[in-house]
Amino acid sequence: MRAAAALADLRGRSAAAAAALVISAGLPQRSDYTQVGIIGNLPIAPEVGALAPPIPLNSSTLSFPTGKPAIINFWATWCAPCEAEMPELQAFQAAHPDVQVIAVNVGEQRAVAADWLTARGLDLTVAFDPNADTFRLYAVRGLPTTFVVAPDGFIRHIAFGGVTQSALEAQLTDWID
């Protein structure tokens, strides 16, 4: 019993010491490891407060700033939370046509993703990212991930996991009616 108590005490002291060390030293910023680059003197994605990188869109490229807010959602057909949130993105787009909603399909062939969207009656602007280049550029950690971009081109919010229409509206209250 004494050995177990001593071990528990040692673990507690070790945990407290580790916590004190982390608090005093601080944790590294995610951007130290995922920062993609600099344009002029501005950092570009994937952090809140950074400029959103351009997105290949069909035969052109969407560059920021665009002068209007944007929602950039990374998804795939095999992702159950992605499927659950797609009607929410569609409803948001219908309610706010002045906001660009771009659904970036990651790692799949264009025909597979297009058929999947058609089967569900979804009509969103889709950027196809079969080699996950844009996924890596935005340093996405998992699917779904949604970036809220202000009219000035800066990322204002990143949502990890499924989003709802009301959650997106709450993030864009400064720019939507």
N, C-alpha and C. Protein backbone atom coordinates (compact mmCIF):
# COMPACT_ATOMS: atom_id res chain seq x y z
N MET A 1 0.81 -1.19 0.00
CA MET A 1 0.00 0.00 0.00
C MET A 1 0.86 1.26 0.00
N ARG A 2 1.95 1.22 0.83
CA ARG A 2 2.81 2.40 0.89
C ARG A 2 3.45 2.67 -0.47
N ALA A 3 3.84 1.62 -1.16
CA ALA A 3 4.47 1.79 -2.48
C ALA A 3 3.49 2.40 -3.47
N ALA A 4 2.24 1.95 -3.43
CA ALA A 4 1.22 2.50 -4.33
C ALA A 4 0.96 3.96 -4.02
N ALA A 5 0.90 4.30 -2.75
CA ALA A 5 0.68 5.70 -2.36
C ALA A 5 1.86 6.57 -2.78
N ALA A 6 3.07 6.04 -2.58
CA ALA A 6 4.27 6.79 -2.99
C ALA A 6 4.30 6.99 -4.49
N LEU A 7 3.92 5.96 -5.25
CA LEU A 7 3.88 6.07 -6.70
C LEU A 7 2.84 7.09 -7.15
N ALA A 8 1.68 7.07 -6.53
CA ALA A 8 0.63 8.04 -6.86
C ALA A 8 1.09 9.46 -6.55
N ASP A 9 1.79 9.64 -5.42
CA ASP A 9 2.31 10.95 -5.04
C ASP A 9 3.35 11.42 -6.06
N LEU A 10 4.23 10.51 -6.47
CA LEU A 10 5.25 10.84 -7.46
C LEU A 10 4.62 11.24 -8.79
N ARG A 11 3.61 10.50 -9.21
CA ARG A 11 2.91 10.83 -10.47
C ARG A 11 2.27 12.21 -10.37
N GLY A 12 1.63 12.48 -9.26
CA GLY A 12 1.00 13.79 -9.06
C GLY A 12 2.01 14.92 -9.12
N ARG A 13 3.16 14.72 -8.44
CA ARG A 13 4.20 15.76 -8.45
C ARG A 13 4.79 15.92 -9.86
N SER A 14 4.96 14.80 -10.56
CA SER A 14 5.50 14.87 -11.93
C SER A 14 4.53 15.61 -12.85
N ALA A 15 3.25 15.32 -12.73
CA ALA A 15 2.25 16.01 -13.55
C ALA A 15 2.23 17.49 -13.24
N ALA A 16 2.32 17.85 -11.98
CA ALA A 16 2.32 19.26 -11.59
C ALA A 16 3.56 19.96 -12.14
N ALA A 17 4.71 19.28 -12.06
CA ALA A 17 5.94 19.87 -12.58
C ALA A 17 5.87 20.06 -14.09
N ALA A 18 5.32 19.08 -14.78
CA ALA A 18 5.18 19.18 -16.24
C ALA A 18 4.24 20.32 -16.61
N ALA A 19 3.14 20.44 -15.88
CA ALA A 19 2.19 21.53 -16.15
C ALA A 19 2.85 22.88 -15.91
N ALA A 20 3.61 23.00 -14.84
CA ALA A 20 4.30 24.25 -14.54
C ALA A 20 5.30 24.60 -15.63
N LEU A 21 6.00 23.61 -16.13
CA LEU A 21 6.97 23.82 -17.21
C LEU A 21 6.28 24.33 -18.47
N VAL A 22 5.18 23.69 -18.85
CA VAL A 22 4.45 24.09 -20.06
C VAL A 22 3.90 25.50 -19.89
N ILE A 23 3.35 25.81 -18.72
CA ILE A 23 2.79 27.14 -18.49
C ILE A 23 3.88 28.20 -18.55
N SER A 24 5.04 27.91 -17.94
CA SER A 24 6.10 28.91 -17.93
C SER A 24 6.76 29.08 -19.31
N ALA A 25 6.93 27.98 -20.02
CA ALA A 25 7.59 28.04 -21.33
C ALA A 25 6.63 28.37 -22.45
N GLY A 26 5.39 27.97 -22.30
CA GLY A 26 4.40 28.17 -23.35
C GLY A 26 4.48 27.09 -24.41
N LEU A 27 3.42 26.93 -25.13
CA LEU A 27 3.40 25.97 -26.23
C LEU A 27 3.73 26.69 -27.52
N PRO A 28 4.33 26.01 -28.46
CA PRO A 28 4.61 26.66 -29.74
C PRO A 28 3.31 26.98 -30.46
N GLN A 29 3.31 28.04 -31.22
CA GLN A 29 2.15 28.40 -32.01
C GLN A 29 2.01 27.42 -33.16
N ARG A 30 0.78 27.04 -33.48
CA ARG A 30 0.54 26.13 -34.59
C ARG A 30 1.17 26.68 -35.86
N SER A 31 1.10 28.00 -36.02
CA SER A 31 1.63 28.61 -37.24
C SER A 31 3.13 28.42 -37.39
N ASP A 32 3.85 28.19 -36.27
CA ASP A 32 5.28 27.93 -36.38
C ASP A 32 5.56 26.67 -37.20
N TYR A 33 4.59 25.76 -37.24
CA TYR A 33 4.77 24.49 -37.92
C TYR A 33 3.95 24.36 -39.19
N THR A 34 2.93 25.18 -39.34
CA THR A 34 2.05 25.02 -40.50
C THR A 34 2.00 26.25 -41.38
N GLN A 35 2.69 27.31 -41.04
CA GLN A 35 2.65 28.53 -41.84
C GLN A 35 3.09 28.20 -43.26
N VAL A 36 2.33 28.62 -44.20
CA VAL A 36 2.62 28.28 -45.58
C VAL A 36 3.58 29.26 -46.20
N GLY A 37 3.46 30.52 -45.87
CA GLY A 37 4.37 31.48 -46.47
C GLY A 37 3.98 32.91 -46.21
N ILE A 38 4.61 33.80 -46.91
CA ILE A 38 4.42 35.23 -46.75
C ILE A 38 4.19 35.83 -48.14
N ILE A 39 3.20 36.72 -48.23
CA ILE A 39 3.00 37.53 -49.44
C ILE A 39 3.27 38.96 -49.00
N GLY A 40 4.35 39.55 -49.51
CA GLY A 40 4.77 40.86 -49.01
C GLY A 40 5.18 40.67 -47.56
N ASN A 41 4.49 41.36 -46.66
CA ASN A 41 4.76 41.16 -45.24
C ASN A 41 3.59 40.50 -44.52
N LEU A 42 2.66 39.92 -45.30
CA LEU A 42 1.47 39.30 -44.72
C LEU A 42 1.59 37.77 -44.71
N PRO A 43 1.29 37.17 -43.56
CA PRO A 43 1.29 35.70 -43.54
C PRO A 43 0.08 35.17 -44.29
N ILE A 44 0.23 34.04 -44.94
CA ILE A 44 -0.90 33.41 -45.59
C ILE A 44 -1.24 32.14 -44.84
N ALA A 45 -2.43 31.63 -45.03
CA ALA A 45 -3.05 30.54 -44.29
C ALA A 45 -2.02 29.61 -43.67
N PRO A 46 -2.43 28.89 -42.69
CA PRO A 46 -3.78 28.50 -42.33
C PRO A 46 -4.32 29.14 -41.05
N GLU A 47 -3.73 30.17 -40.53
CA GLU A 47 -4.13 30.71 -39.23
C GLU A 47 -5.20 31.79 -39.33
N VAL A 48 -5.98 31.92 -38.26
CA VAL A 48 -6.89 33.05 -38.14
C VAL A 48 -6.02 34.31 -38.15
N GLY A 49 -6.42 35.31 -38.93
CA GLY A 49 -5.65 36.54 -39.05
C GLY A 49 -4.69 36.54 -40.21
N ALA A 50 -4.57 35.41 -40.91
CA ALA A 50 -3.68 35.32 -42.06
C ALA A 50 -4.49 35.47 -43.35
N LEU A 51 -3.82 35.85 -44.40
CA LEU A 51 -4.46 35.98 -45.71
C LEU A 51 -4.78 34.60 -46.27
N ALA A 52 -5.99 34.44 -46.78
CA ALA A 52 -6.39 33.15 -47.37
C ALA A 52 -5.64 32.94 -48.68
N PRO A 53 -5.04 31.76 -48.86
CA PRO A 53 -4.35 31.47 -50.11
C PRO A 53 -5.34 31.34 -51.28
N PRO A 54 -4.88 31.50 -52.50
CA PRO A 54 -5.75 31.32 -53.66
C PRO A 54 -6.23 29.87 -53.77
N ILE A 55 -7.38 29.72 -54.42
CA ILE A 55 -7.96 28.39 -54.62
C ILE A 55 -8.18 28.17 -56.11
N PRO A 56 -7.63 27.09 -56.67
CA PRO A 56 -7.93 26.76 -58.07
C PRO A 56 -9.42 26.45 -58.20
N LEU A 57 -10.07 27.14 -59.10
CA LEU A 57 -11.52 26.98 -59.26
C LEU A 57 -11.81 26.82 -60.74
N ASN A 58 -12.11 25.57 -61.12
CA ASN A 58 -12.35 25.24 -62.52
C ASN A 58 -11.12 25.60 -63.34
N SER A 59 -11.26 26.45 -64.33
CA SER A 59 -10.12 26.77 -65.18
C SER A 59 -9.42 28.07 -64.76
N SER A 60 -9.82 28.65 -63.60
CA SER A 60 -9.20 29.88 -63.13
C SER A 60 -8.78 29.69 -61.68
N THR A 61 -8.36 30.79 -61.06
CA THR A 61 -7.95 30.76 -59.66
C THR A 61 -8.69 31.87 -58.93
N LEU A 62 -9.26 31.53 -57.78
CA LEU A 62 -9.92 32.51 -56.92
C LEU A 62 -8.87 33.02 -55.94
N SER A 63 -8.55 34.32 -56.05
CA SER A 63 -7.57 34.93 -55.16
C SER A 63 -8.27 35.87 -54.20
N PHE A 64 -7.69 36.01 -53.04
CA PHE A 64 -8.26 36.88 -52.01
C PHE A 64 -7.37 38.10 -51.85
N PRO A 65 -7.95 39.27 -51.55
CA PRO A 65 -9.34 39.55 -51.20
C PRO A 65 -10.23 39.65 -52.43
N THR A 66 -11.49 39.34 -52.22
CA THR A 66 -12.48 39.43 -53.29
C THR A 66 -13.45 40.59 -53.07
N GLY A 67 -13.40 41.19 -51.89
CA GLY A 67 -14.33 42.27 -51.58
C GLY A 67 -15.63 41.79 -50.99
N LYS A 68 -15.80 40.49 -50.88
CA LYS A 68 -16.98 39.95 -50.21
C LYS A 68 -16.56 38.74 -49.38
N PRO A 69 -17.34 38.40 -48.37
CA PRO A 69 -16.96 37.27 -47.52
C PRO A 69 -17.03 35.95 -48.27
N ALA A 70 -16.28 34.98 -47.76
CA ALA A 70 -16.27 33.65 -48.37
C ALA A 70 -16.26 32.58 -47.29
N ILE A 71 -16.88 31.46 -47.63
CA ILE A 71 -16.82 30.25 -46.83
C ILE A 71 -16.08 29.22 -47.67
N ILE A 72 -15.01 28.67 -47.13
CA ILE A 72 -14.24 27.63 -47.84
C ILE A 72 -14.36 26.36 -47.00
N ASN A 73 -15.00 25.36 -47.58
CA ASN A 73 -15.26 24.11 -46.86
C ASN A 73 -14.53 22.97 -47.54
N PHE A 74 -13.72 22.25 -46.77
CA PHE A 74 -13.01 21.08 -47.28
C PHE A 74 -13.80 19.83 -46.92
N TRP A 75 -14.06 18.95 -47.91
CA TRP A 75 -14.93 17.79 -47.71
C TRP A 75 -14.56 16.66 -48.65
N ALA A 76 -15.16 15.50 -48.41
CA ALA A 76 -15.03 14.34 -49.29
C ALA A 76 -16.32 13.52 -49.21
N THR A 77 -16.58 12.72 -50.23
CA THR A 77 -17.83 11.95 -50.27
C THR A 77 -17.88 10.86 -49.22
N TRP A 78 -16.75 10.34 -48.78
CA TRP A 78 -16.70 9.26 -47.79
C TRP A 78 -16.86 9.76 -46.36
N CYS A 79 -16.88 11.06 -46.17
CA CYS A 79 -16.89 11.70 -44.84
C CYS A 79 -18.33 11.91 -44.37
N ALA A 80 -18.76 11.16 -43.35
CA ALA A 80 -20.14 11.26 -42.85
C ALA A 80 -20.47 12.65 -42.30
N PRO A 81 -19.61 13.29 -41.51
CA PRO A 81 -19.93 14.65 -41.07
C PRO A 81 -20.02 15.64 -42.23
N CYS A 82 -19.24 15.40 -43.27
CA CYS A 82 -19.31 16.26 -44.47
C CYS A 82 -20.69 16.14 -45.10
N GLU A 83 -21.17 14.90 -45.22
CA GLU A 83 -22.49 14.68 -45.81
C GLU A 83 -23.58 15.35 -44.97
N ALA A 84 -23.45 15.30 -43.67
CA ALA A 84 -24.44 15.91 -42.79
C ALA A 84 -24.45 17.43 -42.90
N GLU A 85 -23.29 18.04 -43.14
CA GLU A 85 -23.24 19.50 -43.18
C GLU A 85 -23.55 20.09 -44.56
N MET A 86 -23.47 19.30 -45.61
CA MET A 86 -23.70 19.83 -46.96
C MET A 86 -25.05 20.52 -47.12
N PRO A 87 -26.16 19.98 -46.62
CA PRO A 87 -27.43 20.71 -46.72
C PRO A 87 -27.39 22.05 -45.97
N GLU A 88 -26.62 22.12 -44.89
CA GLU A 88 -26.46 23.38 -44.15
C GLU A 88 -25.72 24.41 -45.00
N LEU A 89 -24.67 23.97 -45.68
CA LEU A 89 -23.95 24.88 -46.58
C LEU A 89 -24.84 25.34 -47.72
N GLN A 90 -25.64 24.41 -48.25
CA GLN A 90 -26.57 24.75 -49.33
C GLN A 90 -27.59 25.77 -48.85
N ALA A 91 -28.15 25.57 -47.66
CA ALA A 91 -29.14 26.50 -47.10
C ALA A 91 -28.50 27.86 -46.83
N PHE A 92 -27.28 27.86 -46.33
CA PHE A 92 -26.58 29.13 -46.10
C PHE A 92 -26.39 29.87 -47.41
N GLN A 93 -25.94 29.16 -48.44
CA GLN A 93 -25.73 29.79 -49.74
C GLN A 93 -27.02 30.37 -50.31
N ALA A 94 -28.12 29.64 -50.17
CA ALA A 94 -29.41 30.12 -50.66
C ALA A 94 -29.85 31.37 -49.91
N ALA A 95 -29.60 31.42 -48.61
CA ALA A 95 -30.01 32.56 -47.80
C ALA A 95 -29.09 33.77 -47.96
N HIS A 96 -27.85 33.54 -48.38
CA HIS A 96 -26.85 34.61 -48.47
C HIS A 96 -26.09 34.52 -49.79
N PRO A 97 -26.75 34.86 -50.89
CA PRO A 97 -26.09 34.72 -52.20
C PRO A 97 -24.89 35.64 -52.40
N ASP A 98 -24.74 36.67 -51.56
CA ASP A 98 -23.59 37.57 -51.70
C ASP A 98 -22.33 37.02 -51.04
N VAL A 99 -22.44 35.90 -50.35
CA VAL A 99 -21.28 35.25 -49.74
C VAL A 99 -20.85 34.11 -50.65
N GLN A 100 -19.57 34.07 -50.98
CA GLN A 100 -19.05 32.97 -51.79
C GLN A 100 -18.93 31.73 -50.92
N VAL A 101 -19.55 30.64 -51.32
CA VAL A 101 -19.39 29.36 -50.64
C VAL A 101 -18.67 28.45 -51.62
N ILE A 102 -17.50 28.00 -51.22
CA ILE A 102 -16.69 27.14 -52.08
C ILE A 102 -16.47 25.83 -51.34
N ALA A 103 -16.95 24.74 -51.91
CA ALA A 103 -16.79 23.41 -51.34
C ALA A 103 -15.60 22.76 -52.04
N VAL A 104 -14.51 22.56 -51.32
CA VAL A 104 -13.29 21.99 -51.89
C VAL A 104 -13.31 20.48 -51.66
N ASN A 105 -13.53 19.73 -52.73
CA ASN A 105 -13.53 18.27 -52.63
C ASN A 105 -12.09 17.79 -52.64
N VAL A 106 -11.74 16.98 -51.64
CA VAL A 106 -10.35 16.59 -51.44
C VAL A 106 -10.13 15.12 -51.82
N GLY A 107 -9.16 14.90 -52.71
CA GLY A 107 -8.65 13.57 -52.97
C GLY A 107 -9.51 12.65 -53.80
N GLU A 108 -10.51 13.17 -54.47
CA GLU A 108 -11.41 12.32 -55.25
C GLU A 108 -11.48 12.79 -56.70
N GLN A 109 -11.85 11.88 -57.56
CA GLN A 109 -12.03 12.23 -58.96
C GLN A 109 -13.26 13.13 -59.12
N ARG A 110 -13.17 14.05 -60.04
CA ARG A 110 -14.24 15.02 -60.29
C ARG A 110 -15.58 14.32 -60.52
N ALA A 111 -15.61 13.27 -61.31
CA ALA A 111 -16.88 12.58 -61.63
C ALA A 111 -17.51 11.98 -60.39
N VAL A 112 -16.70 11.40 -59.51
CA VAL A 112 -17.22 10.80 -58.27
C VAL A 112 -17.89 11.86 -57.41
N ALA A 113 -17.21 12.97 -57.20
CA ALA A 113 -17.76 14.05 -56.37
C ALA A 113 -18.98 14.69 -57.02
N ALA A 114 -18.92 14.92 -58.31
CA ALA A 114 -20.05 15.54 -59.01
C ALA A 114 -21.29 14.65 -58.95
N ASP A 115 -21.12 13.34 -59.16
CA ASP A 115 -22.26 12.41 -59.06
C ASP A 115 -22.84 12.39 -57.65
N TRP A 116 -21.99 12.43 -56.66
CA TRP A 116 -22.41 12.43 -55.25
C TRP A 116 -23.25 13.66 -54.94
N LEU A 117 -22.79 14.83 -55.41
CA LEU A 117 -23.53 16.08 -55.20
C LEU A 117 -24.88 16.05 -55.92
N THR A 118 -24.88 15.59 -57.16
CA THR A 118 -26.11 15.51 -57.95
C THR A 118 -27.12 14.58 -57.29
N ALA A 119 -26.67 13.44 -56.80
CA ALA A 119 -27.56 12.48 -56.16
C ALA A 119 -28.24 13.07 -54.92
N ARG A 120 -27.63 14.06 -54.31
CA ARG A 120 -28.18 14.68 -53.10
C ARG A 120 -28.84 16.02 -53.38
N GLY A 121 -28.93 16.39 -54.65
CA GLY A 121 -29.58 17.64 -55.03
C GLY A 121 -28.84 18.88 -54.56
N LEU A 122 -27.52 18.79 -54.46
CA LEU A 122 -26.71 19.91 -53.99
C LEU A 122 -26.13 20.67 -55.17
N ASP A 123 -26.18 21.99 -55.07
CA ASP A 123 -25.71 22.85 -56.15
C ASP A 123 -24.79 23.92 -55.56
N LEU A 124 -23.61 23.52 -55.16
CA LEU A 124 -22.63 24.44 -54.60
C LEU A 124 -21.49 24.65 -55.58
N THR A 125 -20.78 25.75 -55.43
CA THR A 125 -19.56 25.94 -56.21
C THR A 125 -18.52 24.99 -55.64
N VAL A 126 -17.96 24.15 -56.51
CA VAL A 126 -17.02 23.13 -56.06
C VAL A 126 -15.67 23.35 -56.71
N ALA A 127 -14.64 23.30 -55.87
CA ALA A 127 -13.26 23.27 -56.35
C ALA A 127 -12.79 21.83 -56.15
N PHE A 128 -12.27 21.23 -57.19
CA PHE A 128 -11.81 19.85 -57.11
C PHE A 128 -10.32 19.83 -56.80
N ASP A 129 -9.95 19.06 -55.80
CA ASP A 129 -8.58 19.00 -55.32
C ASP A 129 -8.14 17.53 -55.26
N PRO A 130 -8.03 16.86 -56.43
CA PRO A 130 -7.78 15.42 -56.44
C PRO A 130 -6.43 15.01 -55.85
N ASN A 131 -5.44 15.89 -55.90
CA ASN A 131 -4.12 15.56 -55.36
C ASN A 131 -3.89 16.18 -53.98
N ALA A 132 -4.93 16.80 -53.41
CA ALA A 132 -4.88 17.42 -52.08
C ALA A 132 -3.87 18.56 -51.98
N ASP A 133 -3.61 19.25 -53.09
CA ASP A 133 -2.68 20.38 -53.05
C ASP A 133 -3.24 21.54 -52.24
N THR A 134 -4.51 21.89 -52.47
CA THR A 134 -5.14 22.98 -51.72
C THR A 134 -5.33 22.58 -50.26
N PHE A 135 -5.66 21.34 -50.03
CA PHE A 135 -5.77 20.79 -48.68
C PHE A 135 -4.47 21.03 -47.90
N ARG A 136 -3.34 20.74 -48.53
CA ARG A 136 -2.03 20.96 -47.88
C ARG A 136 -1.73 22.45 -47.75
N LEU A 137 -2.07 23.24 -48.76
CA LEU A 137 -1.83 24.67 -48.71
C LEU A 137 -2.54 25.31 -47.51
N TYR A 138 -3.74 24.85 -47.22
CA TYR A 138 -4.50 25.35 -46.07
C TYR A 138 -4.16 24.60 -44.78
N ALA A 139 -3.25 23.63 -44.85
CA ALA A 139 -2.83 22.83 -43.68
C ALA A 139 -4.04 22.28 -42.93
N VAL A 140 -4.98 21.72 -43.68
CA VAL A 140 -6.18 21.16 -43.09
C VAL A 140 -5.80 19.91 -42.30
N ARG A 141 -6.35 19.79 -41.11
CA ARG A 141 -6.02 18.67 -40.23
C ARG A 141 -6.94 17.48 -40.43
N GLY A 142 -8.16 17.73 -40.87
CA GLY A 142 -9.12 16.66 -41.06
C GLY A 142 -10.38 17.20 -41.71
N LEU A 143 -11.24 16.31 -42.10
CA LEU A 143 -12.48 16.70 -42.78
C LEU A 143 -13.68 16.48 -41.87
N PRO A 144 -14.65 17.34 -41.97
CA PRO A 144 -14.68 18.62 -42.68
C PRO A 144 -13.96 19.72 -41.89
N THR A 145 -13.45 20.69 -42.61
CA THR A 145 -12.89 21.90 -42.03
C THR A 145 -13.39 23.07 -42.86
N THR A 146 -13.81 24.13 -42.17
CA THR A 146 -14.39 25.29 -42.84
C THR A 146 -13.65 26.55 -42.42
N PHE A 147 -13.25 27.35 -43.42
CA PHE A 147 -12.60 28.63 -43.18
C PHE A 147 -13.59 29.74 -43.51
N VAL A 148 -13.70 30.73 -42.62
CA VAL A 148 -14.51 31.91 -42.86
C VAL A 148 -13.53 33.03 -43.23
N VAL A 149 -13.71 33.58 -44.42
CA VAL A 149 -12.80 34.61 -44.93
C VAL A 149 -13.58 35.92 -45.05
N ALA A 150 -13.03 36.97 -44.45
CA ALA A 150 -13.64 38.31 -44.49
C ALA A 150 -13.45 38.92 -45.88
N PRO A 151 -14.21 39.98 -46.19
CA PRO A 151 -14.06 40.62 -47.49
C PRO A 151 -12.64 41.10 -47.79
N ASP A 152 -11.85 41.38 -46.74
CA ASP A 152 -10.47 41.83 -46.95
C ASP A 152 -9.51 40.68 -47.24
N GLY A 153 -10.03 39.44 -47.27
CA GLY A 153 -9.22 38.28 -47.62
C GLY A 153 -8.57 37.59 -46.45
N PHE A 154 -8.79 38.08 -45.25
CA PHE A 154 -8.17 37.47 -44.08
C PHE A 154 -9.09 36.44 -43.44
N ILE A 155 -8.49 35.36 -42.98
CA ILE A 155 -9.24 34.29 -42.32
C ILE A 155 -9.69 34.80 -40.96
N ARG A 156 -11.00 34.74 -40.70
CA ARG A 156 -11.56 35.23 -39.44
C ARG A 156 -11.96 34.10 -38.50
N HIS A 157 -12.16 32.90 -39.03
CA HIS A 157 -12.57 31.78 -38.19
C HIS A 157 -12.27 30.48 -38.91
N ILE A 158 -11.91 29.45 -38.14
CA ILE A 158 -11.73 28.11 -38.69
C ILE A 158 -12.57 27.17 -37.85
N ALA A 159 -13.46 26.42 -38.50
CA ALA A 159 -14.30 25.44 -37.81
C ALA A 159 -13.81 24.04 -38.16
N PHE A 160 -13.52 23.27 -37.14
CA PHE A 160 -13.09 21.89 -37.32
C PHE A 160 -14.30 21.01 -37.03
N GLY A 161 -14.71 20.19 -38.00
CA GLY A 161 -15.93 19.40 -37.85
C GLY A 161 -17.08 20.08 -38.57
N GLY A 162 -18.25 19.49 -38.46
CA GLY A 162 -19.42 19.98 -39.18
C GLY A 162 -19.84 21.37 -38.73
N VAL A 163 -20.39 22.13 -39.68
CA VAL A 163 -20.92 23.47 -39.39
C VAL A 163 -22.40 23.51 -39.72
N THR A 164 -23.07 24.50 -39.16
CA THR A 164 -24.49 24.72 -39.44
C THR A 164 -24.67 26.10 -40.05
N GLN A 165 -25.82 26.30 -40.66
CA GLN A 165 -26.13 27.60 -41.23
C GLN A 165 -26.06 28.68 -40.16
N SER A 166 -26.65 28.43 -39.00
CA SER A 166 -26.66 29.45 -37.94
C SER A 166 -25.26 29.74 -37.42
N ALA A 167 -24.40 28.73 -37.34
CA ALA A 167 -23.02 28.96 -36.89
C ALA A 167 -22.27 29.84 -37.89
N LEU A 168 -22.48 29.60 -39.17
CA LEU A 168 -21.84 30.44 -40.19
C LEU A 168 -22.38 31.86 -40.14
N GLU A 169 -23.67 32.00 -39.97
CA GLU A 169 -24.26 33.34 -39.87
C GLU A 169 -23.69 34.10 -38.68
N ALA A 170 -23.48 33.41 -37.56
CA ALA A 170 -22.91 34.05 -36.38
C ALA A 170 -21.49 34.55 -36.64
N GLN A 171 -20.74 33.83 -37.46
CA GLN A 171 -19.38 34.25 -37.78
C GLN A 171 -19.33 35.41 -38.77
N LEU A 172 -20.41 35.60 -39.51
CA LEU A 172 -20.43 36.60 -40.57
C LEU A 172 -21.37 37.76 -40.30
N THR A 173 -21.74 37.98 -39.04
CA THR A 173 -22.73 39.02 -38.73
C THR A 173 -22.32 40.41 -39.21
N ASP A 174 -21.03 40.68 -39.29
CA ASP A 174 -20.57 42.00 -39.75
C ASP A 174 -20.75 42.21 -41.25
N TRP A 175 -20.96 41.11 -42.01
CA TRP A 175 -20.96 41.25 -43.46
C TRP A 175 -22.22 40.76 -44.16
N ILE A 176 -23.17 40.20 -43.42
CA ILE A 176 -24.40 39.72 -44.07
C ILE A 176 -25.60 40.46 -43.51
N ASP A 177 -26.66 40.46 -44.30
CA ASP A 177 -27.91 41.10 -43.86
C ASP A 177 -28.67 40.22 -42.91
